[in-house]
Protein backbone atom coordinates (compact mmCIF):
# COMPACT_ATOMS: atom_id res chain seq x y z
CA UNK A 1 -74.82 92.08 -44.00
CA UNK A 2 -76.96 89.23 -43.17
CA UNK A 3 -75.89 87.27 -46.16
CA UNK A 4 -72.16 87.73 -45.39
CA UNK A 5 -72.54 86.71 -41.79
CA UNK A 6 -74.34 83.52 -42.79
CA UNK A 7 -71.66 82.64 -45.13
CA UNK A 8 -68.91 83.16 -42.49
CA UNK A 9 -70.53 81.40 -39.60
CA UNK A 10 -69.53 77.78 -38.92
CA UNK A 11 -71.98 75.15 -37.87
CA UNK A 12 -72.10 74.55 -34.17
CA UNK A 13 -70.35 71.43 -32.79
CA UNK A 14 -72.58 68.55 -31.81
CA UNK A 15 -73.66 68.19 -28.22
CA UNK A 16 -70.98 66.44 -26.11
CA UNK A 17 -68.21 67.51 -28.45
CA UNK A 18 -67.84 71.01 -27.20
CA UNK A 19 -64.18 72.00 -27.01
CA UNK A 20 -62.91 68.80 -28.69
CA UNK A 21 -59.58 69.25 -30.43
CA UNK A 22 -59.50 68.44 -34.08
CA UNK A 23 -57.76 65.15 -35.04
CA UNK A 24 -54.33 65.46 -36.56
CA UNK A 25 -51.91 63.00 -38.07
CA UNK A 26 -49.49 63.41 -35.16
CA UNK A 27 -52.03 62.56 -32.43
CA UNK A 28 -54.05 59.89 -34.14
CA UNK A 29 -53.73 56.41 -32.54
CA UNK A 30 -51.86 53.68 -34.46
CA UNK A 31 -53.70 50.56 -35.53
CA UNK A 32 -52.92 47.44 -33.41
CA UNK A 33 -51.07 45.75 -36.22
CA UNK A 34 -48.50 48.57 -36.37
CA UNK A 35 -47.57 48.71 -32.66
CA UNK A 36 -43.82 48.12 -31.83
CA UNK A 37 -42.89 44.47 -31.07
CA UNK A 38 -39.73 43.09 -29.28
CA UNK A 39 -36.93 42.57 -31.72
CA UNK A 40 -34.34 39.71 -31.83
CA UNK A 41 -31.95 39.38 -28.87
CA UNK A 42 -28.91 41.46 -29.29
CA UNK A 43 -25.78 39.25 -29.68
CA UNK A 44 -23.17 39.40 -26.94
CA UNK A 45 -20.53 41.94 -27.41
CA UNK A 46 -16.90 40.95 -27.92
CA UNK A 47 -15.95 41.83 -24.41
CA UNK A 48 -18.60 39.67 -22.82
CA UNK A 49 -17.78 36.85 -25.21
CA UNK A 50 -14.08 37.13 -24.40
CA UNK A 51 -14.75 37.09 -20.64
CA UNK A 52 -16.75 33.86 -20.98
CA UNK A 53 -14.13 32.25 -23.13
CA UNK A 54 -11.40 33.16 -20.59
CA UNK A 55 -13.52 31.81 -17.77
CA UNK A 56 -13.97 28.53 -19.61
CA UNK A 57 -10.22 28.30 -20.23
CA UNK A 58 -9.38 29.08 -16.62
CA UNK A 59 -11.77 26.35 -15.41
CA UNK A 60 -10.41 23.80 -17.88
CA UNK A 61 -6.83 24.73 -17.05
CA UNK A 62 -7.47 24.41 -13.29
CA UNK A 63 -9.16 21.06 -13.85
CA UNK A 64 -6.21 19.91 -15.88
CA UNK A 65 -3.69 20.96 -13.25
CA UNK A 66 -5.69 19.25 -10.55
CA UNK A 67 -5.98 15.98 -12.54
CA UNK A 68 -2.24 15.96 -13.13
CA UNK A 69 -1.39 16.64 -9.46
CA UNK A 70 -3.90 14.01 -8.32
CA UNK A 71 -2.50 11.37 -10.66
CA UNK A 72 1.14 12.04 -9.75
CA UNK A 73 0.43 12.21 -5.98
CA UNK A 74 -1.65 9.02 -5.69
CA UNK A 75 0.66 6.99 -7.94
CA UNK A 76 3.71 8.16 -5.89
CA UNK A 77 1.92 7.26 -2.62
CA UNK A 78 1.04 3.76 -3.83
CA UNK A 79 4.57 3.22 -5.20
CA UNK A 80 6.05 4.15 -1.83
CA UNK A 81 3.68 1.82 -0.01
CA UNK A 82 4.66 -1.06 -2.29
CA UNK A 83 8.39 -0.29 -1.90
CA UNK A 84 8.16 -0.02 1.89
CA UNK A 85 6.50 -3.40 2.31
CA UNK A 86 7.80 -5.47 -0.57
CA UNK A 87 11.41 -4.37 -0.13
CA UNK A 88 12.09 -3.05 3.35
CA UNK A 89 9.47 -4.64 5.66
CA UNK A 90 9.91 -8.01 4.02
CA UNK A 91 13.70 -7.74 4.26
CA UNK A 92 13.45 -6.78 8.00
CA UNK A 93 11.13 -9.78 8.60
CA UNK A 94 13.50 -12.12 6.78
CA UNK A 95 16.39 -10.73 8.80
CA UNK A 96 14.71 -11.46 12.08
CA UNK A 97 13.97 -15.04 11.04
CA UNK A 98 17.52 -15.57 9.73
CA UNK A 99 19.11 -14.27 12.92
CA UNK A 100 17.05 -16.55 15.11
CA UNK A 101 17.60 -19.54 12.90
CA UNK A 102 21.32 -18.84 12.82
CA UNK A 103 21.35 -19.06 16.58
CA UNK A 104 19.53 -22.37 16.45
CA UNK A 105 21.99 -23.82 13.95
CA UNK A 106 25.02 -22.67 15.92
CA UNK A 107 23.61 -24.47 19.00
CA UNK A 108 22.78 -27.57 16.90
CA UNK A 109 26.45 -27.85 15.83
CA UNK A 110 27.32 -28.55 19.48
CA UNK A 111 24.82 -31.38 19.84
CA UNK A 112 26.31 -34.18 17.71
CA UNK A 113 29.26 -36.30 18.96
CA UNK A 114 30.33 -39.85 19.55
CA UNK A 115 27.91 -42.46 20.86
CA UNK A 116 28.06 -43.14 24.59
CA UNK A 117 28.12 -46.87 23.87
CA UNK A 118 30.50 -46.94 20.92
CA UNK A 119 33.22 -44.33 20.50
CA UNK A 120 33.53 -45.21 16.79
CA UNK A 121 29.91 -44.21 16.03
CA UNK A 122 29.03 -40.58 15.40
CA UNK A 123 25.58 -39.51 16.62
CA UNK A 124 23.72 -36.62 15.00
CA UNK A 125 24.12 -34.57 11.83
CA UNK A 126 26.52 -31.76 12.40
CA UNK A 127 27.11 -31.11 8.66
CA UNK A 128 23.51 -30.09 8.08
CA UNK A 129 23.67 -27.54 10.90
CA UNK A 130 26.97 -26.15 9.64
CA UNK A 131 25.70 -25.71 6.10
CA UNK A 132 22.44 -24.12 7.18
CA UNK A 133 24.29 -21.79 9.55
CA UNK A 134 26.58 -20.68 6.74
CA UNK A 135 23.55 -20.06 4.44
CA UNK A 136 21.88 -17.99 7.15
CA UNK A 137 24.99 -15.90 7.79
CA UNK A 138 25.29 -15.15 4.07
CA UNK A 139 21.58 -14.29 3.93
CA UNK A 140 21.99 -11.94 6.94
CA UNK A 141 24.85 -10.06 5.25
CA UNK A 142 22.83 -9.59 2.09
CA UNK A 143 19.75 -8.34 4.02
CA UNK A 144 21.79 -5.89 6.04
CA UNK A 145 23.33 -4.58 2.86
CA UNK A 146 19.86 -4.12 1.40
CA UNK A 147 18.52 -2.37 4.48
CA UNK A 148 21.66 -0.23 4.72
CA UNK A 149 20.42 1.73 1.71
CA UNK A 150 17.77 3.38 3.95
CA UNK A 151 19.67 6.26 5.52
CA UNK A 152 16.88 6.86 8.03
CA UNK A 153 17.62 3.48 9.61
CA UNK A 154 21.40 3.75 9.35
CA UNK A 155 21.96 3.78 13.12
CA UNK A 156 19.96 0.57 13.62
CA UNK A 157 21.75 -1.20 10.80
CA UNK A 158 25.14 -0.16 12.23
CA UNK A 159 24.18 -1.42 15.67
CA UNK A 160 23.16 -4.73 14.11
CA UNK A 161 26.52 -5.04 12.34
CA UNK A 162 28.32 -4.28 15.57
CA UNK A 163 26.38 -6.83 17.60
CA UNK A 164 26.64 -9.37 14.80
CA UNK A 165 30.45 -9.04 14.89
CA UNK A 166 30.48 -9.80 18.59
CA UNK A 167 28.09 -12.71 18.10
CA UNK A 168 30.22 -14.17 15.34
CA UNK A 169 33.31 -13.90 17.52
CA UNK A 170 31.74 -15.74 20.48
CA UNK A 171 29.92 -18.43 18.47
CA UNK A 172 33.04 -18.96 16.33
CA UNK A 173 35.16 -19.41 19.45
CA UNK A 174 32.60 -21.86 20.86
CA UNK A 175 32.82 -23.90 17.64
CA UNK A 176 36.65 -23.81 17.80
CA UNK A 177 36.70 -25.02 21.42
CA UNK A 178 34.28 -27.82 20.53
CA UNK A 179 36.46 -28.89 17.60
CA UNK A 180 39.36 -29.44 20.02
CA UNK A 181 37.42 -32.32 21.59
CA UNK A 182 36.48 -34.48 18.59
CA UNK A 183 35.93 -37.54 20.77
CA UNK A 184 33.41 -36.08 23.23
CA UNK A 185 30.02 -37.67 23.59
CA UNK A 186 26.90 -36.41 21.83
CA UNK A 187 24.95 -33.82 23.83
CA UNK A 188 27.96 -33.03 26.08
CA UNK A 189 30.05 -30.27 24.47
CA UNK A 190 32.95 -28.80 26.46
CA UNK A 191 31.83 -26.54 29.26
CA UNK A 192 33.93 -23.63 27.88
CA UNK A 193 32.16 -24.04 24.52
CA UNK A 194 28.83 -24.04 26.26
CA UNK A 195 29.77 -20.85 28.18
CA UNK A 196 30.76 -19.13 24.94
CA UNK A 197 27.52 -20.25 23.28
CA UNK A 198 25.55 -18.92 26.24
CA UNK A 199 27.25 -15.50 25.85
CA UNK A 200 26.57 -15.53 22.09
CA UNK A 201 22.91 -16.39 22.77
CA UNK A 202 22.63 -13.44 25.14
CA UNK A 203 23.87 -11.07 22.46
CA UNK A 204 21.32 -12.56 20.03
CA UNK A 205 18.44 -12.22 22.49
CA UNK A 206 19.43 -8.90 24.02
CA UNK A 207 20.95 -6.92 21.10
CA UNK A 208 20.34 -8.52 17.66
CA UNK A 209 16.76 -9.77 17.78
CA UNK A 210 15.31 -6.68 19.63
CA UNK A 211 16.84 -4.30 17.06
CA UNK A 212 15.72 -6.49 14.15
CA UNK A 213 12.23 -6.62 15.64
CA UNK A 214 12.22 -2.83 16.12
CA UNK A 215 13.38 -2.32 12.55
CA UNK A 216 10.54 -4.58 11.24
CA UNK A 217 8.05 -2.66 13.38
CA UNK A 218 9.25 0.70 12.02
CA UNK A 219 8.66 -0.42 8.46
CA UNK A 220 5.27 -1.84 9.28
CA UNK A 221 4.26 1.43 10.94
CA UNK A 222 5.47 3.31 7.89
CA UNK A 223 3.38 1.00 5.67
CA UNK A 224 0.29 1.64 7.81
CA UNK A 225 0.92 5.41 7.62
CA UNK A 226 1.53 5.36 3.90
CA UNK A 227 -1.65 3.32 3.33
CA UNK A 228 -3.70 5.87 5.22
CA UNK A 229 -2.06 8.73 3.30
CA UNK A 230 -2.59 7.02 -0.04
CA UNK A 231 -6.22 6.22 0.73
CA UNK A 232 -7.01 9.71 2.07
CA UNK A 233 -5.21 11.40 -0.86
CA UNK A 234 -7.14 9.31 -3.43
CA UNK A 235 -10.51 10.06 -1.81
CA UNK A 236 -9.71 13.74 -1.36
CA UNK A 237 -8.51 14.20 -4.95
CA UNK A 238 -11.48 12.22 -6.27
CA UNK A 239 -13.87 14.58 -4.45
CA UNK A 240 -12.13 17.75 -5.54
CA UNK A 241 -11.78 16.56 -9.13
CA UNK A 242 -15.42 15.62 -9.23
CA UNK A 243 -16.61 18.92 -7.80
CA UNK A 244 -14.42 21.04 -10.05
CA UNK A 245 -15.36 18.94 -13.05
CA UNK A 246 -19.02 19.45 -12.22
CA UNK A 247 -18.58 23.23 -11.99
CA UNK A 248 -16.68 23.31 -15.28
CA UNK A 249 -19.26 21.13 -17.00
CA UNK A 250 -22.14 23.33 -15.69
CA UNK A 251 -20.44 26.47 -16.99
CA UNK A 252 -19.77 24.98 -20.38
CA UNK A 253 -23.38 23.75 -20.74
CA UNK A 254 -24.68 27.18 -19.67
CA UNK A 255 -22.36 28.91 -22.12
CA UNK A 256 -23.44 26.59 -24.90
CA UNK A 257 -27.02 27.64 -24.24
CA UNK A 258 -26.12 31.30 -24.24
CA UNK A 259 -24.25 31.00 -27.50
CA UNK A 260 -27.27 29.24 -29.06
CA UNK A 261 -29.58 32.08 -27.95
CA UNK A 262 -27.22 34.89 -28.94
CA UNK A 263 -26.26 33.65 -32.37
CA UNK A 264 -29.30 31.61 -33.38
CA UNK A 265 -27.33 28.35 -33.75
CA UNK A 266 -28.47 25.11 -32.11
CA UNK A 267 -24.99 24.03 -30.91
CA UNK A 268 -21.38 25.13 -31.07
CA UNK A 269 -19.55 21.93 -32.27
CA UNK A 270 -16.11 22.93 -30.92
CA UNK A 271 -17.39 23.84 -27.48
CA UNK A 272 -19.45 20.65 -27.43
CA UNK A 273 -16.30 18.58 -28.07
CA UNK A 274 -14.49 20.44 -25.28
CA UNK A 275 -17.43 19.70 -22.96
CA UNK A 276 -17.22 15.98 -23.86
CA UNK A 277 -13.50 16.00 -22.96
CA UNK A 278 -14.28 17.57 -19.60
CA UNK A 279 -17.00 14.89 -18.89
CA UNK A 280 -14.57 12.09 -19.86
CA UNK A 281 -11.73 13.29 -17.65
CA UNK A 282 -13.99 14.02 -14.71
CA UNK A 283 -15.67 10.61 -14.78
CA UNK A 284 -12.52 8.65 -15.51
CA UNK A 285 -10.51 10.47 -12.86
CA UNK A 286 -13.14 10.20 -10.14
CA UNK A 287 -13.67 6.49 -10.81
CA UNK A 288 -9.98 5.71 -11.02
CA UNK A 289 -9.13 7.53 -7.83
CA UNK A 290 -12.01 5.87 -6.00
CA UNK A 291 -10.94 2.47 -7.24
CA UNK A 292 -7.36 3.17 -6.18
CA UNK A 293 -8.48 4.02 -2.65
CA UNK A 294 -10.54 0.79 -2.46
CA UNK A 295 -7.60 -1.29 -3.77
CA UNK A 296 -5.23 0.25 -1.16
CA UNK A 297 -7.71 -0.60 1.62
CA UNK A 298 -8.06 -4.16 0.38
CA UNK A 299 -4.29 -4.58 0.06
CA UNK A 300 -3.80 -3.77 3.71
CA UNK A 301 -6.81 -5.61 5.10
CA UNK A 302 -6.43 -8.81 3.07
CA UNK A 303 -2.69 -8.76 2.31
CA UNK A 304 -0.48 -6.69 4.60
CA UNK A 305 -2.10 -7.51 7.96
CA UNK A 306 -2.25 -11.34 7.39
CA UNK A 307 1.35 -11.26 6.06
CA UNK A 308 2.47 -9.29 9.12
CA UNK A 309 0.98 -11.87 11.41
CA UNK A 310 2.54 -14.81 9.53
CA UNK A 311 5.93 -13.12 9.33
CA UNK A 312 5.82 -12.59 13.06
CA UNK A 313 4.90 -16.24 13.50
CA UNK A 314 7.83 -17.33 11.37
CA UNK A 315 10.28 -15.29 13.44
CA UNK A 316 8.79 -16.52 16.75
CA UNK A 317 9.04 -20.09 15.51
CA UNK A 318 12.72 -19.62 14.74
CA UNK A 319 13.35 -18.11 18.17
CA UNK A 320 11.52 -21.14 19.71
CA UNK A 321 13.72 -23.56 17.71
CA UNK A 322 16.80 -21.67 18.95
CA UNK A 323 15.63 -21.93 22.55
CA UNK A 324 14.98 -25.62 22.06
CA UNK A 325 18.49 -26.21 20.66
CA UNK A 326 20.19 -24.23 23.42
CA UNK A 327 18.21 -26.11 26.05
CA UNK A 328 19.61 -29.38 24.72
CA UNK A 329 23.28 -28.39 24.78
CA UNK A 330 23.22 -26.17 27.91
CA UNK A 331 23.52 -27.48 31.41
CA UNK A 332 20.56 -27.54 33.82
CA UNK A 333 21.14 -23.98 35.12
CA UNK A 334 20.92 -22.34 31.73
CA UNK A 335 18.61 -24.97 30.26
CA UNK A 336 15.80 -24.09 32.67
CA UNK A 337 15.68 -20.53 31.26
CA UNK A 338 15.75 -21.86 27.68
CA UNK A 339 12.89 -24.20 28.46
CA UNK A 340 10.80 -21.40 29.93
CA UNK A 341 11.46 -19.22 26.93
CA UNK A 342 10.43 -22.05 24.61
CA UNK A 343 7.11 -22.35 26.41
CA UNK A 344 6.44 -18.64 26.17
CA UNK A 345 7.31 -18.53 22.44
CA UNK A 346 5.19 -21.52 21.54
CA UNK A 347 2.28 -19.98 23.41
CA UNK A 348 2.57 -16.88 21.25
CA UNK A 349 2.92 -19.04 18.20
CA UNK A 350 -0.28 -20.88 18.89
CA UNK A 351 -2.15 -17.57 18.75
CA UNK A 352 -0.30 -16.26 15.69
CA UNK A 353 -0.97 -19.35 13.52
CA UNK A 354 -4.70 -19.27 14.06
CA UNK A 355 -6.40 -17.97 10.85
CA UNK A 356 -7.73 -14.46 11.37
CA UNK A 357 -11.18 -13.21 10.53
CA UNK A 358 -9.85 -11.87 7.17
CA UNK A 359 -8.86 -15.42 6.02
CA UNK A 360 -11.02 -16.50 3.11
CA UNK A 361 -12.53 -19.99 2.67
CA UNK A 362 -9.89 -20.67 -0.02
CA UNK A 363 -7.05 -19.75 2.40
CA UNK A 364 -8.21 -21.75 5.43
CA UNK A 365 -6.91 -25.14 4.09
CA UNK A 366 -3.46 -23.56 3.79
CA UNK A 367 -3.62 -22.35 7.41
CA UNK A 368 -4.68 -25.84 8.46
CA UNK A 369 -1.75 -27.36 6.56
CA UNK A 370 0.63 -25.05 8.41
CA UNK A 371 -0.95 -26.08 11.78
CA UNK A 372 -0.57 -29.72 10.86
CA UNK A 373 3.15 -29.35 10.19
CA UNK A 374 3.52 -27.24 13.35
CA UNK A 375 1.97 -30.16 15.23
CA UNK A 376 4.71 -32.43 13.90
CA UNK A 377 7.35 -30.05 15.22
CA UNK A 378 5.71 -29.95 18.62
CA UNK A 379 5.46 -33.74 18.73
CA UNK A 380 9.16 -33.98 17.96
CA UNK A 381 9.86 -31.57 20.78
CA UNK A 382 7.86 -33.72 23.23
CA UNK A 383 9.80 -36.75 22.08
CA UNK A 384 13.12 -34.91 22.35
CA UNK A 385 12.45 -33.86 25.99
CA UNK A 386 11.27 -37.35 26.91
CA UNK A 387 14.44 -38.92 25.48
CA UNK A 388 16.68 -36.50 27.34
CA UNK A 389 14.76 -36.93 30.56
CA UNK A 390 15.24 -40.67 30.31
CA UNK A 391 18.96 -40.29 29.71
CA UNK A 392 18.87 -41.50 26.09
CA UNK A 393 21.10 -38.61 24.89
CA UNK A 394 22.34 -40.38 21.74
CA UNK A 395 18.84 -40.83 20.27
CA UNK A 396 17.86 -37.35 21.48
CA UNK A 397 20.80 -35.83 19.61
CA UNK A 398 19.72 -37.71 16.48
CA UNK A 399 16.12 -36.52 16.86
CA UNK A 400 17.36 -32.90 17.15
CA UNK A 401 19.77 -32.82 14.24
CA UNK A 402 18.92 -35.57 11.77
CA UNK A 403 16.97 -34.79 8.59
CA UNK A 404 14.01 -37.12 8.40
CA UNK A 405 10.30 -37.30 9.24
CA UNK A 406 10.05 -37.37 13.04
CA UNK A 407 13.25 -35.40 13.52
CA UNK A 408 13.22 -31.81 14.74
CA UNK A 409 15.54 -30.52 12.00
CA UNK A 410 13.39 -31.85 9.20
CA UNK A 411 9.94 -31.10 10.70
CA UNK A 412 10.91 -27.58 11.68
CA UNK A 413 12.24 -26.95 8.16
CA UNK A 414 9.05 -28.39 6.72
CA UNK A 415 6.87 -26.26 9.00
CA UNK A 416 8.90 -23.09 8.46
CA UNK A 417 8.94 -23.55 4.68
CA UNK A 418 5.20 -24.11 4.53
CA UNK A 419 4.59 -21.11 6.78
CA UNK A 420 6.87 -19.00 4.55
CA UNK A 421 4.91 -20.09 1.48
CA UNK A 422 1.61 -18.97 3.05
CA UNK A 423 3.17 -15.66 4.05
CA UNK A 424 4.48 -15.14 0.52
CA UNK A 425 0.96 -15.70 -0.81
CA UNK A 426 -0.38 -13.01 1.45
CA UNK A 427 2.40 -10.67 0.48
CA UNK A 428 1.69 -11.41 -3.21
CA UNK A 429 -1.95 -10.50 -2.63
CA UNK A 430 -0.88 -7.25 -1.05
CA UNK A 431 1.48 -6.44 -3.88
CA UNK A 432 -1.13 -7.32 -6.52
CA UNK A 433 -3.71 -4.99 -5.02
CA UNK A 434 -1.34 -2.16 -4.58
CA UNK A 435 -0.25 -2.64 -8.21
CA UNK A 436 -3.95 -2.47 -9.19
CA UNK A 437 -4.23 0.87 -7.31
CA UNK A 438 -1.18 2.09 -9.13
CA UNK A 439 -2.39 0.76 -12.49
CA UNK A 440 -5.82 2.38 -12.06
CA UNK A 441 -4.07 5.66 -12.99
CA UNK A 442 -1.98 4.27 -15.88
CA UNK A 443 -1.57 6.92 -18.48
CA UNK A 444 -1.86 9.76 -16.00
CA UNK A 445 -1.05 12.58 -16.07
CA UNK A 446 -0.55 12.44 -19.89
CA UNK A 447 -4.16 11.41 -20.70
CA UNK A 448 -6.01 14.11 -18.74
CA UNK A 449 -3.49 16.72 -19.79
CA UNK A 450 -3.90 15.82 -23.42
CA UNK A 451 -7.72 15.57 -23.26
CA UNK A 452 -8.16 18.87 -21.42
CA UNK A 453 -5.57 20.52 -23.60
CA UNK A 454 -7.76 19.61 -26.57
CA UNK A 455 -10.79 20.96 -24.70
CA UNK A 456 -9.05 24.28 -24.27
CA UNK A 457 -8.18 24.37 -28.01
CA UNK A 458 -11.88 23.55 -28.83
CA UNK A 459 -13.01 26.49 -26.75
CA UNK A 460 -10.73 28.79 -28.69
CA UNK A 461 -11.87 27.39 -32.01
CA UNK A 462 -15.49 27.67 -30.97
CA UNK A 463 -15.28 31.33 -29.97
CA UNK A 464 -12.98 32.49 -32.80
CA UNK A 465 -15.71 32.76 -35.57
CA UNK A 466 -17.95 34.70 -33.16
CA UNK A 467 -15.19 37.20 -32.33
CA UNK A 468 -14.42 37.57 -36.04
CA UNK A 469 -17.96 38.81 -36.64
CA UNK A 470 -17.13 41.97 -34.79
CA UNK A 471 -14.19 42.99 -36.91
């Protein structure tokens, strides 16, 4: 008994290990080297990959549409601005000058005649006034025909044609009456001819010139409005294009990083090319639109506004010359009003001919040249009035109508031609800068559409191999 019990008894557990469970394979701890470690990142699924590709295409497509609309809109605005000024506003300004000069020439035809001391001697140059008047009348018809193409101003053009018909009738009758007295003295046309000329002058001052001035003002207001619209559109589109381009670029760069992490590739060449196209269009478009806005501002500040001032001066000068000519052939009652009008017009002219703050150092000599020739015209006027006041009508008629230095006809032509040349320079500056704004978007919308179309194709090519891995 004792022996069997000894053989069946197990040794007691050591102190402190009472009740300890025996170690088994299932519960034994793993060595540190065999613990689970994080595995490689699981590649994006086809659905997530497709969503990102579609997002990229939507952003690129929206950017493309925006670039196309921006290019078309800004180019159209600058083209309309150039057309309004270079074609319509200039024609209206030329019309106003031609009408006033026509009135001056029609009055000048009444000034020449026979000498008070020798009936066989003709004093003054009527032929020059007749030829110039015919040229102005032809020019007026051409300008009205040109402006008649604008249906929005059809009523004004029709009113000009109606008033011009009445003016031609009265001034033509005045010339006819004057021709019936070939032996009359210089500076003393028949009273009935003077009355008809006065009536014609009233139509010119009350009907023709105000409408022509209003027409010119309308086109200048349109030009100012179109300039503001073109500038604002260029700035607005540049801002929107830059922001959307930045968003698209940020998404493409983020996606490039995600593709590199998911598929263990440093870069996706196709997506990288598409990203480069987005960068190019965004930068080029933003810079071109900003440059266009700046060119439009410069065109108005340094071209349109100085030209507007000079065109106004040219028209006012012609009106002053017409008042001067009417004063000479009209009697004292009507001549007093003509003299007062001449003073008012020359006062305005003094202010208009002063170079503005926008005149550059290179332009100031040209302004000074115009002022010098204007001084010759004013000196001739002083001499003319002095001769008439002294009763020397023969010499006064020669000073008014002859073509030579020191004569009104020549010095006014010289002054007006020089003034017109300076105005044309300012208009050319305006046209050149508007053309620069238009040219800043040359190739649009074809270039951004083509570049971003390639970017979209690159996105598809870049994602196609990754989607093929899931088939």
